Amino acid sequence: MKQDCKALQSCLADDKNGMMRALLEVVAGGVVQSTLDVQRYVRCTLLNATQPFEEVVRAAQDSLRWLCQQYLLEWDSSSRLYTTTPLGRAAFSSSLTPEESLVRVFIF
């Protein structure tokens, strides 16, 4: 009862893997679409409470860039909104991490 508790750590900080998964989930779930939505979302995280906001936003931007490069998300420059691709929806529905969803099986 008198033992100290471990300090809280955000799972979003683990070399951006947590951030990628979280952002894929909130975009696929329709919670986040615009860059303003991304900023609002990251302001509500434990990571933002423990790290400078600029670093959290940078991690989110890096994660969004990676998700777009892997064709899990798309950025529409005319509407300025993020949307989920069919691959991104499949990854979200499967509960796989973004990295796991990109593993391709080759049958010869």
PDB file of N, CA and C in Angstrom:
ATOM      1  N   MET A   1       0.807  -1.186   0.000  1.00  0.00           N
ATOM      2  CA  MET A   1       0.000   0.000   0.000  1.00  0.00           C
ATOM      3  C   MET A   1       0.857   1.259   0.000  1.00  0.00           C
ATOM      4  N   LYS A   2       2.079   1.155   0.473  1.00  0.00           N
ATOM      5  CA  LYS A   2       2.914   2.347   0.568  1.00  0.00           C
ATOM      6  C   LYS A   2       3.964   2.418  -0.521  1.00  0.00           C
ATOM      7  N   GLN A   3       3.917   1.489  -1.455  1.00  0.00           N
ATOM      8  CA  GLN A   3       4.901   1.469  -2.522  1.00  0.00           C
ATOM      9  C   GLN A   3       4.601   2.578  -3.535  1.00  0.00           C
ATOM     10  N   ASP A   4       5.647   3.202  -4.046  1.00  0.00           N
ATOM     11  CA  ASP A   4       5.473   4.259  -5.035  1.00  0.00           C
ATOM     12  C   ASP A   4       4.954   3.685  -6.348  1.00  0.00           C
ATOM     13  N   CYS A   5       4.149   4.460  -7.022  1.00  0.00           N
ATOM     14  CA  CYS A   5       3.635   4.075  -8.341  1.00  0.00           C
ATOM     15  C   CYS A   5       4.628   4.502  -9.416  1.00  0.00           C
ATOM     16  N   LYS A   6       4.649   3.755 -10.485  1.00  0.00           N
ATOM     17  CA  LYS A   6       5.478   4.141 -11.624  1.00  0.00           C
ATOM     18  C   LYS A   6       4.898   5.404 -12.253  1.00  0.00           C
ATOM     19  N   ALA A   7       5.780   6.214 -12.800  1.00  0.00           N
ATOM     20  CA  ALA A   7       5.333   7.425 -13.476  1.00  0.00           C
ATOM     21  C   ALA A   7       4.526   7.055 -14.720  1.00  0.00           C
ATOM     22  N   LEU A   8       3.491   7.830 -14.989  1.00  0.00           N
ATOM     23  CA  LEU A   8       2.685   7.600 -16.183  1.00  0.00           C
ATOM     24  C   LEU A   8       3.475   7.962 -17.427  1.00  0.00           C
ATOM     25  N   GLN A   9       3.331   7.152 -18.463  1.00  0.00           N
ATOM     26  CA  GLN A   9       3.945   7.444 -19.750  1.00  0.00           C
ATOM     27  C   GLN A   9       2.907   7.222 -20.839  1.00  0.00           C
ATOM     28  N   SER A  10       2.902   8.077 -21.809  1.00  0.00           N
ATOM     29  CA  SER A  10       1.965   7.958 -22.905  1.00  0.00           C
ATOM     30  C   SER A  10       2.422   6.873 -23.880  1.00  0.00           C
ATOM     31  N   CYS A  11       1.486   6.052 -24.320  1.00  0.00           N
ATOM     32  CA  CYS A  11       1.817   5.032 -25.319  1.00  0.00           C
ATOM     33  C   CYS A  11       2.003   5.655 -26.704  1.00  0.00           C
ATOM     34  N   LEU A  12       1.668   6.923 -26.851  1.00  0.00           N
ATOM     35  CA  LEU A  12       1.861   7.607 -28.130  1.00  0.00           C
ATOM     36  C   LEU A  12       3.319   7.977 -28.359  1.00  0.00           C
ATOM     37  N   ALA A  13       4.119   7.966 -27.315  1.00  0.00           N
ATOM     38  CA  ALA A  13       5.509   8.414 -27.413  1.00  0.00           C
ATOM     39  C   ALA A  13       6.449   7.348 -27.939  1.00  0.00           C
ATOM     40  N   ASP A  14       6.067   6.108 -27.928  1.00  0.00           N
ATOM     41  CA  ASP A  14       6.965   5.016 -28.316  1.00  0.00           C
ATOM     42  C   ASP A  14       7.338   5.109 -29.786  1.00  0.00           C
ATOM     43  N   ASP A  15       8.394   5.823 -30.075  1.00  0.00           N
ATOM     44  CA  ASP A  15       8.938   6.066 -31.420  1.00  0.00           C
ATOM     45  C   ASP A  15       7.869   6.208 -32.501  1.00  0.00           C
ATOM     46  N   LYS A  16       6.809   6.920 -32.179  1.00  0.00           N
ATOM     47  CA  LYS A  16       5.727   7.305 -33.080  1.00  0.00           C
ATOM     48  C   LYS A  16       4.805   6.165 -33.487  1.00  0.00           C
ATOM     49  N   ASN A  17       5.087   4.906 -33.105  1.00  0.00           N
ATOM     50  CA  ASN A  17       4.196   3.810 -33.475  1.00  0.00           C
ATOM     51  C   ASN A  17       2.813   3.993 -32.876  1.00  0.00           C
ATOM     52  N   GLY A  18       2.759   4.378 -31.629  1.00  0.00           N
ATOM     53  CA  GLY A  18       1.472   4.610 -30.989  1.00  0.00           C
ATOM     54  C   GLY A  18       0.724   5.765 -31.618  1.00  0.00           C
ATOM     55  N   MET A  19       1.462   6.803 -31.988  1.00  0.00           N
ATOM     56  CA  MET A  19       0.847   7.966 -32.621  1.00  0.00           C
ATOM     57  C   MET A  19       0.259   7.591 -33.979  1.00  0.00           C
ATOM     58  N   MET A  20       0.982   6.768 -34.746  1.00  0.00           N
ATOM     59  CA  MET A  20       0.473   6.357 -36.063  1.00  0.00           C
ATOM     60  C   MET A  20      -0.832   5.597 -35.918  1.00  0.00           C
ATOM     61  N   ARG A  21      -0.856   4.660 -34.989  1.00  0.00           N
ATOM     62  CA  ARG A  21      -2.067   3.865 -34.789  1.00  0.00           C
ATOM     63  C   ARG A  21      -3.220   4.739 -34.302  1.00  0.00           C
ATOM     64  N   ALA A  22      -2.938   5.622 -33.354  1.00  0.00           N
ATOM     65  CA  ALA A  22      -3.980   6.494 -32.816  1.00  0.00           C
ATOM     66  C   ALA A  22      -4.561   7.395 -33.904  1.00  0.00           C
ATOM     67  N   LEU A  23      -3.698   7.953 -34.727  1.00  0.00           N
ATOM     68  CA  LEU A  23      -4.187   8.843 -35.788  1.00  0.00           C
ATOM     69  C   LEU A  23      -4.972   8.075 -36.851  1.00  0.00           C
ATOM     70  N   LEU A  24      -4.515   6.890 -37.198  1.00  0.00           N
ATOM     71  CA  LEU A  24      -5.277   6.069 -38.144  1.00  0.00           C
ATOM     72  C   LEU A  24      -6.670   5.787 -37.585  1.00  0.00           C
ATOM     73  N   GLU A  25      -6.740   5.456 -36.307  1.00  0.00           N
ATOM     74  CA  GLU A  25      -8.022   5.138 -35.678  1.00  0.00           C
ATOM     75  C   GLU A  25      -8.963   6.343 -35.644  1.00  0.00           C
ATOM     76  N   VAL A  26      -8.453   7.525 -35.295  1.00  0.00           N
ATOM     77  CA  VAL A  26      -9.346   8.684 -35.198  1.00  0.00           C
ATOM     78  C   VAL A  26      -9.762   9.207 -36.568  1.00  0.00           C
ATOM     79  N   VAL A  27      -8.907   9.063 -37.576  1.00  0.00           N
ATOM     80  CA  VAL A  27      -9.322   9.460 -38.928  1.00  0.00           C
ATOM     81  C   VAL A  27     -10.341   8.448 -39.459  1.00  0.00           C
ATOM     82  N   ALA A  28     -10.069   7.167 -39.307  1.00  0.00           N
ATOM     83  CA  ALA A  28     -11.000   6.130 -39.775  1.00  0.00           C
ATOM     84  C   ALA A  28     -12.328   6.213 -39.025  1.00  0.00           C
ATOM     85  N   GLY A  29     -12.277   6.586 -37.768  1.00  0.00           N
ATOM     86  CA  GLY A  29     -13.496   6.718 -36.971  1.00  0.00           C
ATOM     87  C   GLY A  29     -14.254   8.013 -37.213  1.00  0.00           C
ATOM     88  N   GLY A  30     -13.699   8.912 -38.026  1.00  0.00           N
ATOM     89  CA  GLY A  30     -14.373  10.157 -38.355  1.00  0.00           C
ATOM     90  C   GLY A  30     -14.227  11.254 -37.315  1.00  0.00           C
ATOM     91  N   VAL A  31     -13.375  11.050 -36.321  1.00  0.00           N
ATOM     92  CA  VAL A  31     -13.177  12.049 -35.271  1.00  0.00           C
ATOM     93  C   VAL A  31     -12.283  13.180 -35.757  1.00  0.00           C
ATOM     94  N   VAL A  32     -11.285  12.847 -36.571  1.00  0.00           N
ATOM     95  CA  VAL A  32     -10.301  13.812 -37.068  1.00  0.00           C
ATOM     96  C   VAL A  32     -10.335  13.820 -38.592  1.00  0.00           C
ATOM     97  N   GLN A  33     -10.405  15.020 -39.155  1.00  0.00           N
ATOM     98  CA  GLN A  33     -10.338  15.157 -40.613  1.00  0.00           C
ATOM     99  C   GLN A  33      -9.384  16.269 -41.045  1.00  0.00           C
ATOM    100  N   SER A  34      -9.396  17.382 -40.349  1.00  0.00           N
ATOM    101  CA  SER A  34      -8.591  18.537 -40.750  1.00  0.00           C
ATOM    102  C   SER A  34      -7.355  18.662 -39.871  1.00  0.00           C
ATOM    103  N   THR A  35      -6.456  19.549 -40.277  1.00  0.00           N
ATOM    104  CA  THR A  35      -5.265  19.793 -39.466  1.00  0.00           C
ATOM    105  C   THR A  35      -5.649  20.418 -38.123  1.00  0.00           C
ATOM    106  N   LEU A  36      -6.707  21.226 -38.106  1.00  0.00           N
ATOM    107  CA  LEU A  36      -7.194  21.787 -36.844  1.00  0.00           C
ATOM    108  C   LEU A  36      -7.698  20.673 -35.927  1.00  0.00           C
ATOM    109  N   ASP A  37      -8.376  19.674 -36.498  1.00  0.00           N
ATOM    110  CA  ASP A  37      -8.826  18.518 -35.719  1.00  0.00           C
ATOM    111  C   ASP A  37      -7.634  17.777 -35.112  1.00  0.00           C
ATOM    112  N   VAL A  38      -6.552  17.648 -35.885  1.00  0.00           N
ATOM    113  CA  VAL A  38      -5.351  16.968 -35.393  1.00  0.00           C
ATOM    114  C   VAL A  38      -4.798  17.721 -34.193  1.00  0.00           C
ATOM    115  N   GLN A  39      -4.715  19.037 -34.304  1.00  0.00           N
ATOM    116  CA  GLN A  39      -4.203  19.844 -33.192  1.00  0.00           C
ATOM    117  C   GLN A  39      -5.083  19.706 -31.951  1.00  0.00           C
ATOM    118  N   ARG A  40      -6.397  19.733 -32.152  1.00  0.00           N
ATOM    119  CA  ARG A  40      -7.313  19.564 -31.015  1.00  0.00           C
ATOM    120  C   ARG A  40      -7.134  18.193 -30.377  1.00  0.00           C
ATOM    121  N   TYR A  41      -6.987  17.170 -31.205  1.00  0.00           N
ATOM    122  CA  TYR A  41      -6.831  15.808 -30.708  1.00  0.00           C
ATOM    123  C   TYR A  41      -5.561  15.666 -29.870  1.00  0.00           C
ATOM    124  N   VAL A  42      -4.429  16.135 -30.416  1.00  0.00           N
ATOM    125  CA  VAL A  42      -3.173  15.951 -29.678  1.00  0.00           C
ATOM    126  C   VAL A  42      -3.134  16.788 -28.406  1.00  0.00           C
ATOM    127  N   ARG A  43      -3.881  17.885 -28.352  1.00  0.00           N
ATOM    128  CA  ARG A  43      -3.946  18.682 -27.113  1.00  0.00           C
ATOM    129  C   ARG A  43      -4.598  17.885 -25.976  1.00  0.00           C
ATOM    130  N   CYS A  44      -5.403  16.899 -26.314  1.00  0.00           N
ATOM    131  CA  CYS A  44      -6.144  16.123 -25.306  1.00  0.00           C
ATOM    132  C   CYS A  44      -5.422  14.846 -24.886  1.00  0.00           C
ATOM    133  N   THR A  45      -4.178  14.677 -25.292  1.00  0.00           N
ATOM    134  CA  THR A  45      -3.460  13.446 -24.978  1.00  0.00           C
ATOM    135  C   THR A  45      -2.547  13.614 -23.774  1.00  0.00           C
ATOM    136  N   LEU A  46      -2.238  12.493 -23.153  1.00  0.00           N
ATOM    137  CA  LEU A  46      -1.270  12.490 -22.054  1.00  0.00           C
ATOM    138  C   LEU A  46       0.098  12.930 -22.566  1.00  0.00           C
ATOM    139  N   LEU A  47       0.425  12.555 -23.801  1.00  0.00           N
ATOM    140  CA  LEU A  47       1.709  12.957 -24.375  1.00  0.00           C
ATOM    141  C   LEU A  47       1.852  14.476 -24.359  1.00  0.00           C
ATOM    142  N   ASN A  48       0.788  15.186 -24.690  1.00  0.00           N
ATOM    143  CA  ASN A  48       0.833  16.647 -24.682  1.00  0.00           C
ATOM    144  C   ASN A  48       1.025  17.191 -23.269  1.00  0.00           C
ATOM    145  N   ALA A  49       0.531  16.483 -22.287  1.00  0.00           N
ATOM    146  CA  ALA A  49       0.693  16.925 -20.899  1.00  0.00           C
ATOM    147  C   ALA A  49       2.111  16.719 -20.395  1.00  0.00           C
ATOM    148  N   THR A  50       2.859  15.834 -21.061  1.00  0.00           N
ATOM    149  CA  THR A  50       4.213  15.522 -20.595  1.00  0.00           C
ATOM    150  C   THR A  50       5.308  16.012 -21.530  1.00  0.00           C
ATOM    151  N   GLN A  51       4.952  16.447 -22.719  1.00  0.00           N
ATOM    152  CA  GLN A  51       5.923  16.919 -23.713  1.00  0.00           C
ATOM    153  C   GLN A  51       5.496  18.289 -24.226  1.00  0.00           C
ATOM    154  N   PRO A  52       6.427  19.073 -24.755  1.00  0.00           N
ATOM    155  CA  PRO A  52       6.056  20.356 -25.358  1.00  0.00           C
ATOM    156  C   PRO A  52       5.111  20.144 -26.551  1.00  0.00           C
ATOM    157  N   PHE A  53       4.134  21.030 -26.661  1.00  0.00           N
ATOM    158  CA  PHE A  53       3.111  20.908 -27.709  1.00  0.00           C
ATOM    159  C   PHE A  53       3.735  20.825 -29.097  1.00  0.00           C
ATOM    160  N   GLU A  54       4.779  21.598 -29.358  1.00  0.00           N
ATOM    161  CA  GLU A  54       5.408  21.602 -30.680  1.00  0.00           C
ATOM    162  C   GLU A  54       5.966  20.218 -31.035  1.00  0.00           C
ATOM    163  N   GLU A  55       6.532  19.533 -30.043  1.00  0.00           N
ATOM    164  CA  GLU A  55       7.063  18.189 -30.286  1.00  0.00           C
ATOM    165  C   GLU A  55       5.943  17.194 -30.568  1.00  0.00           C
ATOM    166  N   VAL A  56       4.841  17.340 -29.865  1.00  0.00           N
ATOM    167  CA  VAL A  56       3.702  16.447 -30.070  1.00  0.00           C
ATOM    168  C   VAL A  56       3.113  16.665 -31.463  1.00  0.00           C
ATOM    169  N   VAL A  57       2.981  17.915 -31.859  1.00  0.00           N
ATOM    170  CA  VAL A  57       2.464  18.224 -33.199  1.00  0.00           C
ATOM    171  C   VAL A  57       3.420  17.693 -34.259  1.00  0.00           C
ATOM    172  N   ARG A  58       4.715  17.839 -34.044  1.00  0.00           N
ATOM    173  CA  ARG A  58       5.706  17.326 -34.997  1.00  0.00           C
ATOM    174  C   ARG A  58       5.585  15.802 -35.134  1.00  0.00           C
ATOM    175  N   ALA A  59       5.409  15.111 -34.011  1.00  0.00           N
ATOM    176  CA  ALA A  59       5.230  13.657 -34.053  1.00  0.00           C
ATOM    177  C   ALA A  59       3.956  13.292 -34.806  1.00  0.00           C
ATOM    178  N   ALA A  60       2.904  14.057 -34.589  1.00  0.00           N
ATOM    179  CA  ALA A  60       1.647  13.808 -35.303  1.00  0.00           C
ATOM    180  C   ALA A  60       1.823  14.049 -36.798  1.00  0.00           C
ATOM    181  N   GLN A  61       2.514  15.123 -37.171  1.00  0.00           N
ATOM    182  CA  GLN A  61       2.748  15.421 -38.591  1.00  0.00           C
ATOM    183  C   GLN A  61       3.583  14.326 -39.247  1.00  0.00           C
ATOM    184  N   ASP A  62       4.631  13.878 -38.566  1.00  0.00           N
ATOM    185  CA  ASP A  62       5.462  12.786 -39.094  1.00  0.00           C
ATOM    186  C   ASP A  62       4.642  11.516 -39.276  1.00  0.00           C
ATOM    187  N   SER A  63       3.780  11.234 -38.313  1.00  0.00           N
ATOM    188  CA  SER A  63       2.943  10.035 -38.382  1.00  0.00           C
ATOM    189  C   SER A  63       1.939  10.143 -39.525  1.00  0.00           C
ATOM    190  N   LEU A  64       1.315  11.304 -39.680  1.00  0.00           N
ATOM    191  CA  LEU A  64       0.360  11.492 -40.782  1.00  0.00           C
ATOM    192  C   LEU A  64       1.057  11.379 -42.133  1.00  0.00           C
ATOM    193  N   ARG A  65       2.259  11.933 -42.235  1.00  0.00           N
ATOM    194  CA  ARG A  65       3.024  11.840 -43.475  1.00  0.00           C
ATOM    195  C   ARG A  65       3.303  10.369 -43.811  1.00  0.00           C
ATOM    196  N   TRP A  66       3.732   9.599 -42.810  1.00  0.00           N
ATOM    197  CA  TRP A  66       4.026   8.177 -43.018  1.00  0.00           C
ATOM    198  C   TRP A  66       2.764   7.422 -43.426  1.00  0.00           C
ATOM    199  N   LEU A  67       1.647   7.689 -42.752  1.00  0.00           N
ATOM    200  CA  LEU A  67       0.394   7.011 -43.081  1.00  0.00           C
ATOM    201  C   LEU A  67      -0.047   7.322 -44.508  1.00  0.00           C
ATOM    202  N   CYS A  68       0.176   8.548 -44.950  1.00  0.00           N
ATOM    203  CA  CYS A  68      -0.155   8.908 -46.334  1.00  0.00           C
ATOM    204  C   CYS A  68       0.808   8.239 -47.319  1.00  0.00           C
ATOM    205  N   GLN A  69       2.084   8.185 -46.996  1.00  0.00           N
ATOM    206  CA  GLN A  69       3.073   7.532 -47.873  1.00  0.00           C
ATOM    207  C   GLN A  69       2.795   6.043 -48.026  1.00  0.00           C
ATOM    208  N   GLN A  70       2.221   5.428 -47.000  1.00  0.00           N
ATOM    209  CA  GLN A  70       1.913   3.997 -47.039  1.00  0.00           C
ATOM    210  C   GLN A  70       0.511   3.728 -47.576  1.00  0.00           C
ATOM    211  N   TYR A  71      -0.179   4.770 -48.021  1.00  0.00           N
ATOM    212  CA  TYR A  71      -1.522   4.674 -48.609  1.00  0.00           C
ATOM    213  C   TYR A  71      -2.572   4.168 -47.624  1.00  0.00           C
ATOM    214  N   LEU A  72      -2.382   4.479 -46.356  1.00  0.00           N
ATOM    215  CA  LEU A  72      -3.405   4.175 -45.354  1.00  0.00           C
ATOM    216  C   LEU A  72      -4.356   5.365 -45.191  1.00  0.00           C
ATOM    217  N   LEU A  73      -3.825   6.570 -45.401  1.00  0.00           N
ATOM    218  CA  LEU A  73      -4.614   7.798 -45.389  1.00  0.00           C
ATOM    219  C   LEU A  73      -4.336   8.574 -46.661  1.00  0.00           C
ATOM    220  N   GLU A  74      -5.262   9.465 -46.988  1.00  0.00           N
ATOM    221  CA  GLU A  74      -5.066  10.382 -48.111  1.00  0.00           C
ATOM    222  C   GLU A  74      -5.316  11.804 -47.626  1.00  0.00           C
ATOM    223  N   TRP A  75      -4.546  12.741 -48.167  1.00  0.00           N
ATOM    224  CA  TRP A  75      -4.732  14.163 -47.898  1.00  0.00           C
ATOM    225  C   TRP A  75      -5.304  14.789 -49.149  1.00  0.00           C
ATOM    226  N   ASP A  76      -6.476  15.380 -49.042  1.00  0.00           N
ATOM    227  CA  ASP A  76      -7.106  16.069 -50.167  1.00  0.00           C
ATOM    228  C   ASP A  76      -6.766  17.548 -50.048  1.00  0.00           C
ATOM    229  N   SER A  77      -5.893  18.022 -50.937  1.00  0.00           N
ATOM    230  CA  SER A  77      -5.428  19.410 -50.824  1.00  0.00           C
ATOM    231  C   SER A  77      -6.522  20.421 -51.152  1.00  0.00           C
ATOM    232  N   SER A  78      -7.531  20.037 -51.934  1.00  0.00           N
ATOM    233  CA  SER A  78      -8.596  20.997 -52.234  1.00  0.00           C
ATOM    234  C   SER A  78      -9.545  21.175 -51.044  1.00  0.00           C
ATOM    235  N   SER A  79      -9.938  20.084 -50.404  1.00  0.00           N
ATOM    236  CA  SER A  79     -10.820  20.200 -49.236  1.00  0.00           C
ATOM    237  C   SER A  79     -10.029  20.369 -47.941  1.00  0.00           C
ATOM    238  N   ARG A  80      -8.720  20.076 -48.009  1.00  0.00           N
ATOM    239  CA  ARG A  80      -7.814  20.158 -46.863  1.00  0.00           C
ATOM    240  C   ARG A  80      -8.265  19.227 -45.730  1.00  0.00           C
ATOM    241  N   LEU A  81      -8.604  17.987 -46.142  1.00  0.00           N
ATOM    242  CA  LEU A  81      -9.068  16.984 -45.186  1.00  0.00           C
ATOM    243  C   LEU A  81      -8.329  15.675 -45.382  1.00  0.00           C
ATOM    244  N   TYR A  82      -8.161  14.943 -44.276  1.00  0.00           N
ATOM    245  CA  TYR A  82      -7.623  13.584 -44.324  1.00  0.00           C
ATOM    246  C   TYR A  82      -8.786  12.611 -44.451  1.00  0.00           C
ATOM    247  N   THR A  83      -8.599  11.583 -45.271  1.00  0.00           N
ATOM    248  CA  THR A  83      -9.575  10.508 -45.389  1.00  0.00           C
ATOM    249  C   THR A  83      -8.838   9.178 -45.332  1.00  0.00           C
ATOM    250  N   THR A  84      -9.577   8.143 -45.026  1.00  0.00           N
ATOM    251  CA  THR A  84      -8.997   6.808 -44.926  1.00  0.00           C
ATOM    252  C   THR A  84      -9.143   6.104 -46.267  1.00  0.00           C
ATOM    253  N   THR A  85      -8.090   5.446 -46.710  1.00  0.00           N
ATOM    254  CA  THR A  85      -8.134   4.655 -47.937  1.00  0.00           C
ATOM    255  C   THR A  85      -8.769   3.298 -47.628  1.00  0.00           C
ATOM    256  N   PRO A  86      -9.117   2.520 -48.655  1.00  0.00           N
ATOM    257  CA  PRO A  86      -9.612   1.165 -48.384  1.00  0.00           C
ATOM    258  C   PRO A  86      -8.619   0.334 -47.559  1.00  0.00           C
ATOM    259  N   LEU A  87      -7.322   0.472 -47.845  1.00  0.00           N
ATOM    260  CA  LEU A  87      -6.312  -0.238 -47.063  1.00  0.00           C
ATOM    261  C   LEU A  87      -6.309   0.245 -45.616  1.00  0.00           C
ATOM    262  N   GLY A  88      -6.447   1.539 -45.414  1.00  0.00           N
ATOM    263  CA  GLY A  88      -6.494   2.099 -44.067  1.00  0.00           C
ATOM    264  C   GLY A  88      -7.719   1.627 -43.299  1.00  0.00           C
ATOM    265  N   ARG A  89      -8.870   1.552 -43.991  1.00  0.00           N
ATOM    266  CA  ARG A  89     -10.084   1.043 -43.335  1.00  0.00           C
ATOM    267  C   ARG A  89      -9.922  -0.422 -42.963  1.00  0.00           C
ATOM    268  N   ALA A  90      -9.275  -1.197 -43.838  1.00  0.00           N
ATOM    269  CA  ALA A  90      -9.039  -2.611 -43.543  1.00  0.00           C
ATOM    270  C   ALA A  90      -8.110  -2.758 -42.342  1.00  0.00           C
ATOM    271  N   ALA A  91      -7.054  -1.948 -42.297  1.00  0.00           N
ATOM    272  CA  ALA A  91      -6.120  -1.997 -41.163  1.00  0.00           C
ATOM    273  C   ALA A  91      -6.833  -1.614 -39.875  1.00  0.00           C
ATOM    274  N   PHE A  92      -7.644  -0.582 -39.937  1.00  0.00           N
ATOM    275  CA  PHE A  92      -8.406  -0.137 -38.763  1.00  0.00           C
ATOM    276  C   PHE A  92      -9.366  -1.227 -38.295  1.00  0.00           C
ATOM    277  N   SER A  93     -10.073  -1.834 -39.221  1.00  0.00           N
ATOM    278  CA  SER A  93     -11.054  -2.870 -38.872  1.00  0.00           C
ATOM    279  C   SER A  93     -10.413  -4.137 -38.331  1.00  0.00           C
ATOM    280  N   SER A  94      -9.201  -4.417 -38.786  1.00  0.00           N
ATOM    281  CA  SER A  94      -8.523  -5.651 -38.376  1.00  0.00           C
ATOM    282  C   SER A  94      -7.874  -5.547 -37.000  1.00  0.00           C
ATOM    283  N   SER A  95      -7.759  -4.354 -36.478  1.00  0.00           N
ATOM    284  CA  SER A  95      -7.073  -4.089 -35.206  1.00  0.00           C
ATOM    285  C   SER A  95      -5.578  -4.358 -35.275  1.00  0.00           C
ATOM    286  N   LEU A  96      -5.030  -4.471 -36.481  1.00  0.00           N
ATOM    287  CA  LEU A  96      -3.587  -4.593 -36.642  1.00  0.00           C
ATOM    288  C   LEU A  96      -2.955  -3.212 -36.518  1.00  0.00           C
ATOM    289  N   THR A  97      -1.683  -3.182 -36.155  1.00  0.00           N
ATOM    290  CA  THR A  97      -0.970  -1.910 -36.185  1.00  0.00           C
ATOM    291  C   THR A  97      -0.788  -1.517 -37.642  1.00  0.00           C
ATOM    292  N   PRO A  98      -0.537  -0.242 -37.923  1.00  0.00           N
ATOM    293  CA  PRO A  98      -0.301   0.141 -39.311  1.00  0.00           C
ATOM    294  C   PRO A  98       0.841  -0.649 -39.955  1.00  0.00           C
ATOM    295  N   GLU A  99       1.903  -0.899 -39.200  1.00  0.00           N
ATOM    296  CA  GLU A  99       3.029  -1.650 -39.746  1.00  0.00           C
ATOM    297  C   GLU A  99       2.635  -3.089 -40.071  1.00  0.00           C
ATOM    298  N   GLU A 100       1.906  -3.728 -39.166  1.00  0.00           N
ATOM    299  CA  GLU A 100       1.481  -5.112 -39.390  1.00  0.00           C
ATOM    300  C   GLU A 100       0.549  -5.228 -40.586  1.00  0.00           C
ATOM    301  N   SER A 101      -0.246  -4.225 -40.819  1.00  0.00           N
ATOM    302  CA  SER A 101      -1.201  -4.283 -41.931  1.00  0.00           C
ATOM    303  C   SER A 101      -0.517  -4.185 -43.286  1.00  0.00           C
ATOM    304  N   LEU A 102       0.737  -3.752 -43.301  1.00  0.00           N
ATOM    305  CA  LEU A 102       1.458  -3.607 -44.564  1.00  0.00           C
ATOM    306  C   LEU A 102       2.237  -4.853 -44.959  1.00  0.00           C
ATOM    307  N   VAL A 103       2.258  -5.866 -44.114  1.00  0.00           N
ATOM    308  CA  VAL A 103       2.964  -7.110 -44.435  1.00  0.00           C
ATOM    309  C   VAL A 103       2.212  -7.796 -45.562  1.00  0.00           C
ATOM    310  N   ARG A 104       2.965  -8.131 -46.591  1.00  0.00           N
ATOM    311  CA  ARG A 104       2.345  -8.767 -47.763  1.00  0.00           C
ATOM    312  C   ARG A 104       2.758 -10.224 -47.802  1.00  0.00           C
ATOM    313  N   VAL A 105       1.814 -11.071 -48.104  1.00  0.00           N
ATOM    314  CA  VAL A 105       2.083 -12.491 -48.204  1.00  0.00           C
ATOM    315  C   VAL A 105       2.214 -12.835 -49.679  1.00  0.00           C
ATOM    316  N   PHE A 106       3.322 -13.438 -50.036  1.00  0.00           N
ATOM    317  CA  PHE A 106       3.555 -13.838 -51.419  1.00  0.00           C
ATOM    318  C   PHE A 106       3.415 -15.340 -51.521  1.00  0.00           C
ATOM    319  N   ILE A 107       2.535 -15.794 -52.393  1.00  0.00           N
ATOM    320  CA  ILE A 107       2.342 -17.220 -52.609  1.00  0.00           C
ATOM    321  C   ILE A 107       2.888 -17.545 -53.997  1.00  0.00           C
ATOM    322  N   PHE A 108       3.783 -18.511 -54.040  1.00  0.00           N
ATOM    323  CA  PHE A 108       4.381 -18.893 -55.318  1.00  0.00           C
ATOM    324  C   PHE A 108       3.767 -20.157 -55.821  1.00  0.00           C
TER     325      PHE A 108
END
